[in-house]
Amino acid sequence: MLTGNGCPKTALSIRDALEALEGRWKLLILFALSSGPKRFKQLSAEVTGITDKILSKELKALEMNQLISRRVFDTFPPTVEYSITEHGASLEKVLEELHYWGLAHRAKIIGNN
């Protein structure tokens, strides 16, 4: 793709994907949810460095893009659980490739430490 002639439709689909996954946190949230459903505080603890305000905003965006689902249980106080959807799970290959690229990038930039 990077070595050939790109077409406008390719650029549009890449833009759509980037808009759905933009930012520093969305892929990390999806990765955290890949091991199973989690409550807000569990996600907050697993996604190191994210604030509760940003986590809330990112969860809403991920839900809007149908990458995660939000389930509210009828308890007092209400229990809310987030889980990855089938559509969100379809990003597994993207995350895997990003993982391998990140390892190679770290080795190239930082060296093998």
C-alpha atoms as a PDB file:
ATOM      1  CA  MET A   1       0.000   0.000   0.000  1.00  0.00           C
ATOM      2  CA  LEU A   2       2.771   2.443   0.871  1.00  0.00           C
ATOM      3  CA  THR A   3       4.848   1.476  -2.161  1.00  0.00           C
ATOM      4  CA  GLY A   4       2.073   1.539  -4.766  1.00  0.00           C
ATOM      5  CA  ASN A   5      -0.276   4.166  -6.069  1.00  0.00           C
ATOM      6  CA  GLY A   6      -3.028   4.780  -3.534  1.00  0.00           C
ATOM      7  CA  CYS A   7      -6.535   5.534  -4.637  1.00  0.00           C
ATOM      8  CA  PRO A   8      -8.941   8.013  -3.003  1.00  0.00           C
ATOM      9  CA  LYS A   9     -11.080   5.164  -1.641  1.00  0.00           C
ATOM     10  CA  THR A  10      -8.042   3.762   0.175  1.00  0.00           C
ATOM     11  CA  ALA A  11      -7.334   7.140   1.738  1.00  0.00           C
ATOM     12  CA  LEU A  12     -10.979   7.445   2.791  1.00  0.00           C
ATOM     13  CA  SER A  13     -11.021   4.036   4.474  1.00  0.00           C
ATOM     14  CA  ILE A  14      -7.761   4.798   6.290  1.00  0.00           C
ATOM     15  CA  ARG A  15      -9.216   8.136   7.443  1.00  0.00           C
ATOM     16  CA  ASP A  16     -12.348   6.355   8.716  1.00  0.00           C
ATOM     17  CA  ALA A  17     -10.230   3.857  10.657  1.00  0.00           C
ATOM     18  CA  LEU A  18      -8.063   6.591  12.145  1.00  0.00           C
ATOM     19  CA  GLU A  19     -11.112   8.581  13.232  1.00  0.00           C
ATOM     20  CA  ALA A  20     -12.566   5.518  14.991  1.00  0.00           C
ATOM     21  CA  LEU A  21      -9.258   4.727  16.711  1.00  0.00           C
ATOM     22  CA  GLU A  22      -7.709   8.183  17.035  1.00  0.00           C
ATOM     23  CA  GLY A  23      -5.835   9.180  20.123  1.00  0.00           C
ATOM     24  CA  ARG A  24      -3.474   7.579  22.517  1.00  0.00           C
ATOM     25  CA  TRP A  25      -5.890   5.423  24.481  1.00  0.00           C
ATOM     26  CA  LYS A  26      -8.476   3.636  22.357  1.00  0.00           C
ATOM     27  CA  LEU A  27      -6.309   0.732  21.243  1.00  0.00           C
ATOM     28  CA  LEU A  28      -4.999   0.279  24.791  1.00  0.00           C
ATOM     29  CA  ILE A  29      -8.569   0.158  26.099  1.00  0.00           C
ATOM     30  CA  LEU A  30      -9.495  -2.421  23.464  1.00  0.00           C
ATOM     31  CA  PHE A  31      -6.416  -4.442  24.404  1.00  0.00           C
ATOM     32  CA  ALA A  32      -7.439  -4.354  28.075  1.00  0.00           C
ATOM     33  CA  LEU A  33     -10.944  -5.529  27.162  1.00  0.00           C
ATOM     34  CA  SER A  34      -9.625  -8.321  24.946  1.00  0.00           C
ATOM     35  CA  SER A  35      -9.116 -10.507  28.032  1.00  0.00           C
ATOM     36  CA  GLY A  36     -12.766 -10.136  29.062  1.00  0.00           C
ATOM     37  CA  PRO A  37     -15.401  -7.709  30.337  1.00  0.00           C
ATOM     38  CA  LYS A  38     -14.258  -5.086  32.830  1.00  0.00           C
ATOM     39  CA  ARG A  39     -15.735  -2.434  35.060  1.00  0.00           C
ATOM     40  CA  PHE A  40     -14.654   1.198  34.842  1.00  0.00           C
ATOM     41  CA  LYS A  41     -12.198   1.064  37.755  1.00  0.00           C
ATOM     42  CA  GLN A  42     -10.632  -2.127  36.420  1.00  0.00           C
ATOM     43  CA  LEU A  43     -10.010  -0.404  33.091  1.00  0.00           C
ATOM     44  CA  SER A  44      -8.676   2.666  34.838  1.00  0.00           C
ATOM     45  CA  ALA A  45      -6.142   0.503  36.685  1.00  0.00           C
ATOM     46  CA  GLU A  46      -5.121  -1.508  33.599  1.00  0.00           C
ATOM     47  CA  VAL A  47      -4.703   1.426  31.222  1.00  0.00           C
ATOM     48  CA  THR A  48      -1.834   3.082  33.044  1.00  0.00           C
ATOM     49  CA  GLY A  49      -1.745   6.864  32.917  1.00  0.00           C
ATOM     50  CA  ILE A  50      -5.294   7.543  31.735  1.00  0.00           C
ATOM     51  CA  THR A  51      -7.494   9.869  33.773  1.00  0.00           C
ATOM     52  CA  ASP A  52     -11.069   8.939  34.646  1.00  0.00           C
ATOM     53  CA  LYS A  53     -12.364  11.866  32.580  1.00  0.00           C
ATOM     54  CA  ILE A  54     -10.479  10.758  29.458  1.00  0.00           C
ATOM     55  CA  LEU A  55     -11.379   7.094  30.018  1.00  0.00           C
ATOM     56  CA  SER A  56     -15.057   8.037  30.172  1.00  0.00           C
ATOM     57  CA  LYS A  57     -14.768  10.068  26.963  1.00  0.00           C
ATOM     58  CA  GLU A  58     -12.905   7.301  25.130  1.00  0.00           C
ATOM     59  CA  LEU A  59     -15.371   4.621  26.258  1.00  0.00           C
ATOM     60  CA  LYS A  60     -18.250   6.693  24.875  1.00  0.00           C
ATOM     61  CA  ALA A  61     -16.459   7.090  21.534  1.00  0.00           C
ATOM     62  CA  LEU A  62     -15.638   3.370  21.351  1.00  0.00           C
ATOM     63  CA  GLU A  63     -19.267   2.532  22.133  1.00  0.00           C
ATOM     64  CA  MET A  64     -20.494   4.978  19.484  1.00  0.00           C
ATOM     65  CA  ASN A  65     -18.270   3.215  16.926  1.00  0.00           C
ATOM     66  CA  GLN A  66     -19.662  -0.161  18.097  1.00  0.00           C
ATOM     67  CA  LEU A  67     -16.216  -1.392  19.132  1.00  0.00           C
ATOM     68  CA  ILE A  68     -17.318  -1.977  22.730  1.00  0.00           C
ATOM     69  CA  SER A  69     -20.618  -2.519  24.488  1.00  0.00           C
ATOM     70  CA  ARG A  70     -21.756  -1.103  27.808  1.00  0.00           C
ATOM     71  CA  ARG A  71     -23.961  -3.223  30.038  1.00  0.00           C
ATOM     72  CA  VAL A  72     -25.726  -1.753  33.061  1.00  0.00           C
ATOM     73  CA  PHE A  73     -26.786  -4.194  35.778  1.00  0.00           C
ATOM     74  CA  ASP A  74     -29.837  -3.535  37.941  1.00  0.00           C
ATOM     75  CA  THR A  75     -27.968  -3.258  41.239  1.00  0.00           C
ATOM     76  CA  PHE A  76     -27.555  -0.549  43.818  1.00  0.00           C
ATOM     77  CA  PRO A  77     -25.394   1.279  43.097  1.00  0.00           C
ATOM     78  CA  PRO A  78     -25.638   0.471  39.381  1.00  0.00           C
ATOM     79  CA  THR A  79     -22.897  -1.796  38.078  1.00  0.00           C
ATOM     80  CA  VAL A  80     -21.577  -1.028  34.610  1.00  0.00           C
ATOM     81  CA  GLU A  81     -19.463  -3.459  32.630  1.00  0.00           C
ATOM     82  CA  TYR A  82     -17.686  -2.875  29.329  1.00  0.00           C
ATOM     83  CA  SER A  83     -16.819  -5.575  26.826  1.00  0.00           C
ATOM     84  CA  ILE A  84     -15.365  -5.741  23.364  1.00  0.00           C
ATOM     85  CA  THR A  85     -17.837  -6.384  20.543  1.00  0.00           C
ATOM     86  CA  GLU A  86     -17.344  -8.704  17.598  1.00  0.00           C
ATOM     87  CA  HIS A  87     -16.615  -5.598  15.519  1.00  0.00           C
ATOM     88  CA  GLY A  88     -13.998  -4.505  18.060  1.00  0.00           C
ATOM     89  CA  ALA A  89     -12.473  -7.978  18.133  1.00  0.00           C
ATOM     90  CA  SER A  90     -11.988  -7.725  14.371  1.00  0.00           C
ATOM     91  CA  LEU A  91      -9.088  -5.369  15.179  1.00  0.00           C
ATOM     92  CA  GLU A  92      -7.052  -8.253  16.620  1.00  0.00           C
ATOM     93  CA  LYS A  93      -4.793  -8.528  13.558  1.00  0.00           C
ATOM     94  CA  VAL A  94      -4.266  -4.762  13.566  1.00  0.00           C
ATOM     95  CA  LEU A  95      -3.213  -4.864  17.229  1.00  0.00           C
ATOM     96  CA  GLU A  96      -0.945  -7.840  16.614  1.00  0.00           C
ATOM     97  CA  GLU A  97       0.784  -6.144  13.681  1.00  0.00           C
ATOM     98  CA  LEU A  98       1.074  -2.909  15.663  1.00  0.00           C
ATOM     99  CA  HIS A  99       2.653  -4.895  18.504  1.00  0.00           C
ATOM    100  CA  TYR A 100       5.284  -6.413  16.186  1.00  0.00           C
ATOM    101  CA  TRP A 101       5.961  -3.085  14.507  1.00  0.00           C
ATOM    102  CA  GLY A 102       6.337  -1.453  17.939  1.00  0.00           C
ATOM    103  CA  LEU A 103       8.894  -4.069  18.976  1.00  0.00           C
ATOM    104  CA  ALA A 104      10.901  -3.527  15.785  1.00  0.00           C
ATOM    105  CA  HIS A 105      10.614   0.243  16.114  1.00  0.00           C
ATOM    106  CA  ARG A 106      11.801   0.181  19.735  1.00  0.00           C
ATOM    107  CA  ALA A 107      14.767  -1.996  18.783  1.00  0.00           C
ATOM    108  CA  LYS A 108      15.687   0.319  15.897  1.00  0.00           C
ATOM    109  CA  ILE A 109      15.338   3.569  17.839  1.00  0.00           C
ATOM    110  CA  ILE A 110      16.437   2.546  21.340  1.00  0.00           C
ATOM    111  CA  GLY A 111      18.479  -0.553  20.583  1.00  0.00           C
ATOM    112  CA  ASN A 112      18.279  -4.008  22.083  1.00  0.00           C
ATOM    113  CA  ASN A 113      18.385  -3.313  25.814  1.00  0.00           C
END
